Amino acid sequence: MKKESKKYYLFIDESGDHGLVNLDPNFPVFLLCGVLLSQDNYTLLRKAINTLKNKLWGDKSVILHSRDIRKCEKEFQILFDLELKSAFYQALNTIISQTKYRVLASAINKTKYIQKYGKLSNDVYELSLSFIIERAIFCLDEVAGEKQFEIVIEKRGKKEDKQLAEHFQRLLARGTNYVSAERLKEVNTQITFKDKKENINGLQLADLIAYPMARYVIDQKRANPAFDIFEGKIYRKNTKRYGLKIFP
């Protein structure tokens, strides 16, 4: 009797602009953030986030978006009520700290990247995605048994999604510098593009983590309480922090 394979998701979101033409001196980083978790743990995460949404808005269709939350915009204008804001952050921080997942992120220091490779070199989004997929495979190597691996990315536009899908197919055909094509096929790697309107809680968690992670990369000495909450989730191997790749 064939043993049932275990499913894992890698939800990916970004912080910063992946373009290399106009640099923001206050945010000179492009960061791609992945959240890797098993299907069972994702079920628990979805339930916890939907419970929080229903409690505050009476509606689980609200989409948690880092920028809107920070600026108290759209549905998050209710956070001008400081008591409500405190309760919201406490509940959200509990979900972020208590859910079982691994954080895998790739940050491109755009100033250094341009100095080294120029403005017309490889797409930094594709480069970052390769780094994250590599490390996700290292993570999955630590789990015994048959595995299925689904990468979930938010749609950005027809042209961008087509380009990224083609890049992914090249990865499947050739592998990366450290992970062979065979290893990607062994875990049945696939990629799915989801619209923001589809309200995918895994993508929302990746979005909430991406911004404080980017802020940490820009200035590691700056107080960053949001980063401190999930810092222990960053993938480590032999005590080395493999889950955050800063390039170059």
C-alpha atoms as a PDB file:
ATOM      1  CA  MET A   1       0.000   0.000   0.000  1.00  0.00           C
ATOM      2  CA  LYS A   2       1.469   3.330  -1.116  1.00  0.00           C
ATOM      3  CA  LYS A   3       2.072   5.809   1.684  1.00  0.00           C
ATOM      4  CA  GLU A   4       0.191   9.078   1.258  1.00  0.00           C
ATOM      5  CA  SER A   5       2.420  12.044   0.419  1.00  0.00           C
ATOM      6  CA  LYS A   6       2.456  15.104   2.656  1.00  0.00           C
ATOM      7  CA  LYS A   7       1.677  18.482   1.116  1.00  0.00           C
ATOM      8  CA  TYR A   8       3.687  21.646   1.770  1.00  0.00           C
ATOM      9  CA  TYR A   9       2.976  25.198   0.679  1.00  0.00           C
ATOM     10  CA  LEU A  10       5.411  28.029   0.084  1.00  0.00           C
ATOM     11  CA  PHE A  11       3.550  31.355   0.073  1.00  0.00           C
ATOM     12  CA  ILE A  12       5.573  34.196  -1.427  1.00  0.00           C
ATOM     13  CA  ASP A  13       5.207  37.964  -1.244  1.00  0.00           C
ATOM     14  CA  GLU A  14       7.537  40.894  -1.787  1.00  0.00           C
ATOM     15  CA  SER A  15       8.608  44.130  -0.150  1.00  0.00           C
ATOM     16  CA  GLY A  16      10.166  46.955  -2.110  1.00  0.00           C
ATOM     17  CA  ASP A  17      10.347  47.521  -5.853  1.00  0.00           C
ATOM     18  CA  HIS A  18      12.171  44.925  -7.970  1.00  0.00           C
ATOM     19  CA  GLY A  19      13.060  47.556 -10.599  1.00  0.00           C
ATOM     20  CA  LEU A  20      16.655  48.755 -10.853  1.00  0.00           C
ATOM     21  CA  VAL A  21      16.122  52.095 -12.599  1.00  0.00           C
ATOM     22  CA  ASN A  22      14.838  54.382  -9.837  1.00  0.00           C
ATOM     23  CA  LEU A  23      16.327  53.710  -6.414  1.00  0.00           C
ATOM     24  CA  ASP A  24      14.680  54.885  -3.197  1.00  0.00           C
ATOM     25  CA  PRO A  25      17.600  55.805  -0.876  1.00  0.00           C
ATOM     26  CA  ASN A  26      15.346  55.122   2.138  1.00  0.00           C
ATOM     27  CA  PHE A  27      14.424  51.639   0.875  1.00  0.00           C
ATOM     28  CA  PRO A  28      17.295  50.374  -1.310  1.00  0.00           C
ATOM     29  CA  VAL A  29      16.288  46.726  -0.963  1.00  0.00           C
ATOM     30  CA  PHE A  30      14.065  44.313  -2.833  1.00  0.00           C
ATOM     31  CA  LEU A  31      13.009  41.407  -0.639  1.00  0.00           C
ATOM     32  CA  LEU A  32      11.100  38.285  -1.538  1.00  0.00           C
ATOM     33  CA  CYS A  33       9.650  36.507   1.481  1.00  0.00           C
ATOM     34  CA  GLY A  34       8.462  32.916   1.578  1.00  0.00           C
ATOM     35  CA  VAL A  35       6.478  31.171   4.306  1.00  0.00           C
ATOM     36  CA  LEU A  36       6.809  27.372   4.178  1.00  0.00           C
ATOM     37  CA  LEU A  37       4.315  25.229   6.061  1.00  0.00           C
ATOM     38  CA  SER A  38       2.560  21.884   5.921  1.00  0.00           C
ATOM     39  CA  GLN A  39      -1.040  21.578   4.779  1.00  0.00           C
ATOM     40  CA  ASP A  40      -2.099  20.710   8.345  1.00  0.00           C
ATOM     41  CA  ASN A  41      -0.442  23.809   9.781  1.00  0.00           C
ATOM     42  CA  TYR A  42      -1.878  25.935   6.984  1.00  0.00           C
ATOM     43  CA  THR A  43      -5.374  24.740   7.895  1.00  0.00           C
ATOM     44  CA  LEU A  44      -4.751  25.919  11.480  1.00  0.00           C
ATOM     45  CA  LEU A  45      -3.360  29.259  10.240  1.00  0.00           C
ATOM     46  CA  ARG A  46      -6.386  29.908   8.009  1.00  0.00           C
ATOM     47  CA  LYS A  47      -8.761  29.132  10.862  1.00  0.00           C
ATOM     48  CA  ALA A  48      -6.906  31.428  13.288  1.00  0.00           C
ATOM     49  CA  ILE A  49      -6.769  34.362  10.836  1.00  0.00           C
ATOM     50  CA  ASN A  50     -10.429  33.947   9.829  1.00  0.00           C
ATOM     51  CA  THR A  51     -11.441  33.880  13.504  1.00  0.00           C
ATOM     52  CA  LEU A  52      -9.585  37.179  14.053  1.00  0.00           C
ATOM     53  CA  LYS A  53     -11.208  38.760  10.973  1.00  0.00           C
ATOM     54  CA  ASN A  54     -14.684  37.643  12.029  1.00  0.00           C
ATOM     55  CA  LYS A  55     -14.118  38.956  15.557  1.00  0.00           C
ATOM     56  CA  LEU A  56     -13.064  42.439  14.439  1.00  0.00           C
ATOM     57  CA  TRP A  57     -15.020  42.946  11.217  1.00  0.00           C
ATOM     58  CA  GLY A  58     -17.670  40.240  11.356  1.00  0.00           C
ATOM     59  CA  ASP A  59     -16.362  39.243   7.926  1.00  0.00           C
ATOM     60  CA  LYS A  60     -13.514  36.929   6.943  1.00  0.00           C
ATOM     61  CA  SER A  61     -13.206  38.539   3.479  1.00  0.00           C
ATOM     62  CA  VAL A  62     -11.062  41.408   4.862  1.00  0.00           C
ATOM     63  CA  ILE A  63      -7.547  41.162   3.381  1.00  0.00           C
ATOM     64  CA  LEU A  64      -4.669  41.752   5.801  1.00  0.00           C
ATOM     65  CA  HIS A  65      -2.255  44.081   4.019  1.00  0.00           C
ATOM     66  CA  SER A  66       0.855  45.304   5.809  1.00  0.00           C
ATOM     67  CA  ARG A  67       0.838  48.838   4.379  1.00  0.00           C
ATOM     68  CA  ASP A  68      -2.884  49.414   5.033  1.00  0.00           C
ATOM     69  CA  ILE A  69      -2.479  48.155   8.612  1.00  0.00           C
ATOM     70  CA  ARG A  70       0.537  50.397   9.306  1.00  0.00           C
ATOM     71  CA  LYS A  71      -1.230  53.466   7.901  1.00  0.00           C
ATOM     72  CA  CYS A  72      -4.703  52.588   9.298  1.00  0.00           C
ATOM     73  CA  GLU A  73      -6.224  52.787   5.805  1.00  0.00           C
ATOM     74  CA  LYS A  74      -9.276  51.141   4.194  1.00  0.00           C
ATOM     75  CA  GLU A  75     -10.796  48.551   6.591  1.00  0.00           C
ATOM     76  CA  PHE A  76      -8.024  49.276   9.084  1.00  0.00           C
ATOM     77  CA  GLN A  77      -9.289  52.765   9.915  1.00  0.00           C
ATOM     78  CA  ILE A  78     -10.896  51.034  12.896  1.00  0.00           C
ATOM     79  CA  LEU A  79      -7.364  50.827  14.340  1.00  0.00           C
ATOM     80  CA  PHE A  80      -7.500  54.539  15.164  1.00  0.00           C
ATOM     81  CA  ASP A  81      -9.358  53.176  18.204  1.00  0.00           C
ATOM     82  CA  LEU A  82      -6.261  52.487  20.318  1.00  0.00           C
ATOM     83  CA  GLU A  83      -7.935  49.848  22.481  1.00  0.00           C
ATOM     84  CA  LEU A  84      -9.060  47.957  19.383  1.00  0.00           C
ATOM     85  CA  LYS A  85      -5.623  48.420  17.823  1.00  0.00           C
ATOM     86  CA  SER A  86      -3.934  46.912  20.870  1.00  0.00           C
ATOM     87  CA  ALA A  87      -6.292  43.899  20.831  1.00  0.00           C
ATOM     88  CA  PHE A  88      -5.765  43.420  17.078  1.00  0.00           C
ATOM     89  CA  TYR A  89      -1.964  43.462  17.311  1.00  0.00           C
ATOM     90  CA  GLN A  90      -1.963  41.175  20.321  1.00  0.00           C
ATOM     91  CA  ALA A  91      -4.124  38.601  18.508  1.00  0.00           C
ATOM     92  CA  LEU A  92      -2.150  38.920  15.249  1.00  0.00           C
ATOM     93  CA  ASN A  93       1.204  38.609  17.018  1.00  0.00           C
ATOM     94  CA  THR A  94      -0.028  35.468  18.785  1.00  0.00           C
ATOM     95  CA  ILE A  95      -0.939  33.896  15.412  1.00  0.00           C
ATOM     96  CA  ILE A  96       2.428  34.870  13.889  1.00  0.00           C
ATOM     97  CA  SER A  97       4.415  33.556  16.848  1.00  0.00           C
ATOM     98  CA  GLN A  98       2.445  30.350  17.550  1.00  0.00           C
ATOM     99  CA  THR A  99       1.797  28.977  14.045  1.00  0.00           C
ATOM    100  CA  LYS A 100       4.360  26.409  12.850  1.00  0.00           C
ATOM    101  CA  TYR A 101       6.125  27.571   9.673  1.00  0.00           C
ATOM    102  CA  ARG A 102       9.573  28.450   8.354  1.00  0.00           C
ATOM    103  CA  VAL A 103      10.567  31.810   6.917  1.00  0.00           C
ATOM    104  CA  LEU A 104      12.727  31.854   3.786  1.00  0.00           C
ATOM    105  CA  ALA A 105      13.681  35.250   2.393  1.00  0.00           C
ATOM    106  CA  SER A 106      15.988  36.659  -0.241  1.00  0.00           C
ATOM    107  CA  ALA A 107      17.025  40.310  -0.163  1.00  0.00           C
ATOM    108  CA  ILE A 108      18.767  42.120  -2.990  1.00  0.00           C
ATOM    109  CA  ASN A 109      20.788  45.170  -1.966  1.00  0.00           C
ATOM    110  CA  LYS A 110      20.028  47.091  -5.146  1.00  0.00           C
ATOM    111  CA  THR A 111      22.839  49.648  -4.806  1.00  0.00           C
ATOM    112  CA  LYS A 112      25.499  46.931  -4.480  1.00  0.00           C
ATOM    113  CA  TYR A 113      23.795  44.798  -7.126  1.00  0.00           C
ATOM    114  CA  ILE A 114      23.874  47.600  -9.726  1.00  0.00           C
ATOM    115  CA  GLN A 115      27.508  48.384  -8.905  1.00  0.00           C
ATOM    116  CA  LYS A 116      28.429  44.739  -9.476  1.00  0.00           C
ATOM    117  CA  TYR A 117      26.122  43.640 -12.317  1.00  0.00           C
ATOM    118  CA  GLY A 118      24.652  46.814 -13.829  1.00  0.00           C
ATOM    119  CA  LYS A 119      21.036  47.882 -14.274  1.00  0.00           C
ATOM    120  CA  LEU A 120      20.315  45.619 -17.239  1.00  0.00           C
ATOM    121  CA  SER A 121      21.271  42.304 -15.660  1.00  0.00           C
ATOM    122  CA  ASN A 122      19.000  39.455 -14.516  1.00  0.00           C
ATOM    123  CA  ASP A 123      15.519  40.043 -13.130  1.00  0.00           C
ATOM    124  CA  VAL A 124      16.033  40.329  -9.362  1.00  0.00           C
ATOM    125  CA  TYR A 125      12.592  38.788  -8.712  1.00  0.00           C
ATOM    126  CA  GLU A 126      13.577  35.634 -10.615  1.00  0.00           C
ATOM    127  CA  LEU A 127      16.964  35.531  -8.892  1.00  0.00           C
ATOM    128  CA  SER A 128      15.334  35.844  -5.455  1.00  0.00           C
ATOM    129  CA  LEU A 129      12.769  33.163  -6.286  1.00  0.00           C
ATOM    130  CA  SER A 130      15.574  30.735  -7.221  1.00  0.00           C
ATOM    131  CA  PHE A 131      17.299  31.376  -3.874  1.00  0.00           C
ATOM    132  CA  ILE A 132      14.074  30.774  -1.923  1.00  0.00           C
ATOM    133  CA  ILE A 133      13.119  27.593  -3.797  1.00  0.00           C
ATOM    134  CA  GLU A 134      16.617  26.212  -3.145  1.00  0.00           C
ATOM    135  CA  ARG A 135      16.297  26.749   0.582  1.00  0.00           C
ATOM    136  CA  ALA A 136      12.760  25.375   0.643  1.00  0.00           C
ATOM    137  CA  ILE A 137      14.098  22.133  -0.830  1.00  0.00           C
ATOM    138  CA  PHE A 138      16.789  22.033   1.904  1.00  0.00           C
ATOM    139  CA  CYS A 139      13.974  22.389   4.467  1.00  0.00           C
ATOM    140  CA  LEU A 140      11.906  19.632   2.888  1.00  0.00           C
ATOM    141  CA  ASP A 141      14.959  17.333   2.821  1.00  0.00           C
ATOM    142  CA  GLU A 142      14.657  17.244   6.616  1.00  0.00           C
ATOM    143  CA  VAL A 143      11.161  15.737   6.402  1.00  0.00           C
ATOM    144  CA  ALA A 144      10.889  12.001   5.771  1.00  0.00           C
ATOM    145  CA  GLY A 145       8.496  10.424   3.292  1.00  0.00           C
ATOM    146  CA  GLU A 146       6.782  11.414   0.048  1.00  0.00           C
ATOM    147  CA  LYS A 147       6.140  15.131  -0.378  1.00  0.00           C
ATOM    148  CA  GLN A 148       4.205  17.487  -2.614  1.00  0.00           C
ATOM    149  CA  PHE A 149       5.400  21.072  -2.872  1.00  0.00           C
ATOM    150  CA  GLU A 150       3.226  23.929  -4.091  1.00  0.00           C
ATOM    151  CA  ILE A 151       4.584  27.466  -4.499  1.00  0.00           C
ATOM    152  CA  VAL A 152       1.851  30.093  -4.268  1.00  0.00           C
ATOM    153  CA  ILE A 153       2.547  33.583  -5.635  1.00  0.00           C
ATOM    154  CA  GLU A 154       0.272  36.606  -5.919  1.00  0.00           C
ATOM    155  CA  LYS A 155      -0.533  37.621  -9.491  1.00  0.00           C
ATOM    156  CA  ARG A 156       1.312  40.761 -10.604  1.00  0.00           C
ATOM    157  CA  GLY A 157       0.179  41.132 -14.209  1.00  0.00           C
ATOM    158  CA  LYS A 158      -0.124  38.938 -17.339  1.00  0.00           C
ATOM    159  CA  LYS A 159       3.346  39.810 -18.667  1.00  0.00           C
ATOM    160  CA  GLU A 160       5.109  39.418 -15.276  1.00  0.00           C
ATOM    161  CA  ASP A 161       3.270  36.174 -14.445  1.00  0.00           C
ATOM    162  CA  LYS A 162       4.096  34.691 -17.871  1.00  0.00           C
ATOM    163  CA  GLN A 163       7.771  35.633 -17.450  1.00  0.00           C
ATOM    164  CA  LEU A 164       7.875  34.122 -13.963  1.00  0.00           C
ATOM    165  CA  ALA A 165       6.091  30.934 -15.077  1.00  0.00           C
ATOM    166  CA  GLU A 166       8.681  30.533 -17.858  1.00  0.00           C
ATOM    167  CA  HIS A 167      11.501  31.068 -15.340  1.00  0.00           C
ATOM    168  CA  PHE A 168       9.945  28.402 -13.117  1.00  0.00           C
ATOM    169  CA  GLN A 169       9.760  25.941 -16.019  1.00  0.00           C
ATOM    170  CA  ARG A 170      13.470  26.558 -16.694  1.00  0.00           C
ATOM    171  CA  LEU A 171      14.184  25.829 -13.011  1.00  0.00           C
ATOM    172  CA  LEU A 172      12.228  22.570 -13.267  1.00  0.00           C
ATOM    173  CA  ALA A 173      14.185  21.621 -16.393  1.00  0.00           C
ATOM    174  CA  ARG A 174      17.664  22.636 -15.209  1.00  0.00           C
ATOM    175  CA  GLY A 175      17.534  23.019 -11.421  1.00  0.00           C
ATOM    176  CA  THR A 176      19.381  25.782  -9.569  1.00  0.00           C
ATOM    177  CA  ASN A 177      23.070  26.125  -8.640  1.00  0.00           C
ATOM    178  CA  TYR A 178      22.567  23.921  -5.571  1.00  0.00           C
ATOM    179  CA  VAL A 179      19.399  21.920  -6.283  1.00  0.00           C
ATOM    180  CA  SER A 180      19.082  19.582  -9.253  1.00  0.00           C
ATOM    181  CA  ALA A 181      16.018  19.340 -11.485  1.00  0.00           C
ATOM    182  CA  GLU A 182      15.549  15.772 -10.182  1.00  0.00           C
ATOM    183  CA  ARG A 183      15.229  17.020  -6.592  1.00  0.00           C
ATOM    184  CA  LEU A 184      12.576  19.525  -7.642  1.00  0.00           C
ATOM    185  CA  LYS A 185      10.657  16.750  -9.415  1.00  0.00           C
ATOM    186  CA  GLU A 186      11.000  14.386  -6.444  1.00  0.00           C
ATOM    187  CA  VAL A 187       8.780  16.660  -4.330  1.00  0.00           C
ATOM    188  CA  ASN A 188       6.331  17.261  -7.220  1.00  0.00           C
ATOM    189  CA  THR A 189       7.101  20.989  -7.302  1.00  0.00           C
ATOM    190  CA  GLN A 190       4.390  23.145  -8.878  1.00  0.00           C
ATOM    191  CA  ILE A 191       3.621  26.864  -8.982  1.00  0.00           C
ATOM    192  CA  THR A 192       0.231  28.581  -8.658  1.00  0.00           C
ATOM    193  CA  PHE A 193      -0.641  32.237  -9.234  1.00  0.00           C
ATOM    194  CA  LYS A 194      -3.426  33.657  -7.064  1.00  0.00           C
ATOM    195  CA  ASP A 195      -5.303  36.931  -7.289  1.00  0.00           C
ATOM    196  CA  LYS A 196      -5.260  39.185  -4.200  1.00  0.00           C
ATOM    197  CA  LYS A 197      -9.096  39.088  -4.278  1.00  0.00           C
ATOM    198  CA  GLU A 198      -8.945  35.345  -3.613  1.00  0.00           C
ATOM    199  CA  ASN A 199      -8.058  36.240  -0.016  1.00  0.00           C
ATOM    200  CA  ILE A 200      -5.299  33.660   0.538  1.00  0.00           C
ATOM    201  CA  ASN A 201      -4.317  33.835   4.220  1.00  0.00           C
ATOM    202  CA  GLY A 202      -0.911  32.266   3.524  1.00  0.00           C
ATOM    203  CA  LEU A 203      -0.036  35.115   1.139  1.00  0.00           C
ATOM    204  CA  GLN A 204      -1.223  37.607   3.746  1.00  0.00           C
ATOM    205  CA  LEU A 205       1.111  36.101   6.349  1.00  0.00           C
ATOM    206  CA  ALA A 206       4.019  36.380   3.868  1.00  0.00           C
ATOM    207  CA  ASP A 207       3.073  40.032   3.268  1.00  0.00           C
ATOM    208  CA  LEU A 208       3.006  40.785   7.016  1.00  0.00           C
ATOM    209  CA  ILE A 209       6.480  39.272   7.452  1.00  0.00           C
ATOM    210  CA  ALA A 210       8.103  40.740   4.315  1.00  0.00           C
ATOM    211  CA  TYR A 211       8.133  44.420   5.384  1.00  0.00           C
ATOM    212  CA  PRO A 212       9.749  44.027   8.849  1.00  0.00           C
ATOM    213  CA  MET A 213      12.187  41.536   7.302  1.00  0.00           C
ATOM    214  CA  ALA A 214      13.203  44.148   4.688  1.00  0.00           C
ATOM    215  CA  ARG A 215      13.528  46.775   7.437  1.00  0.00           C
ATOM    216  CA  TYR A 216      15.847  44.411   9.312  1.00  0.00           C
ATOM    217  CA  VAL A 217      18.023  43.986   6.207  1.00  0.00           C
ATOM    218  CA  ILE A 218      18.237  47.781   5.707  1.00  0.00           C
ATOM    219  CA  ASP A 219      19.178  48.503   9.340  1.00  0.00           C
ATOM    220  CA  GLN A 220      19.793  45.590  11.703  1.00  0.00           C
ATOM    221  CA  LYS A 221      20.381  47.898  14.677  1.00  0.00           C
ATOM    222  CA  ARG A 222      17.062  49.687  14.418  1.00  0.00           C
ATOM    223  CA  ALA A 223      14.304  48.613  16.845  1.00  0.00           C
ATOM    224  CA  ASN A 224      12.048  46.188  14.970  1.00  0.00           C
ATOM    225  CA  PRO A 225       9.501  44.550  17.314  1.00  0.00           C
ATOM    226  CA  ALA A 226       7.561  42.976  14.415  1.00  0.00           C
ATOM    227  CA  PHE A 227      10.739  41.206  13.233  1.00  0.00           C
ATOM    228  CA  ASP A 228      11.466  39.973  16.773  1.00  0.00           C
ATOM    229  CA  ILE A 229       8.145  38.070  16.797  1.00  0.00           C
ATOM    230  CA  PHE A 230       9.032  35.773  13.882  1.00  0.00           C
ATOM    231  CA  GLU A 231      12.850  35.909  14.005  1.00  0.00           C
ATOM    232  CA  GLY A 232      12.946  32.407  15.521  1.00  0.00           C
ATOM    233  CA  LYS A 233      11.019  31.054  12.496  1.00  0.00           C
ATOM    234  CA  ILE A 234      13.805  31.896  10.030  1.00  0.00           C
ATOM    235  CA  TYR A 235      15.169  28.605   8.690  1.00  0.00           C
ATOM    236  CA  ARG A 236      18.432  27.529  10.298  1.00  0.00           C
ATOM    237  CA  LYS A 237      20.751  24.682   9.428  1.00  0.00           C
ATOM    238  CA  ASN A 238      23.533  23.732  11.850  1.00  0.00           C
ATOM    239  CA  THR A 239      22.842  26.998  13.750  1.00  0.00           C
ATOM    240  CA  LYS A 240      23.571  28.967  10.564  1.00  0.00           C
ATOM    241  CA  ARG A 241      20.756  31.229   9.389  1.00  0.00           C
ATOM    242  CA  TYR A 242      20.041  29.768   5.935  1.00  0.00           C
ATOM    243  CA  GLY A 243      16.600  31.304   5.687  1.00  0.00           C
ATOM    244  CA  LEU A 244      17.767  34.840   4.909  1.00  0.00           C
ATOM    245  CA  LYS A 245      19.928  35.294   1.823  1.00  0.00           C
ATOM    246  CA  ILE A 246      21.299  38.828   1.301  1.00  0.00           C
ATOM    247  CA  PHE A 247      22.757  39.355  -2.156  1.00  0.00           C
ATOM    248  CA  PRO A 248      25.306  40.327  -3.341  1.00  0.00           C
END
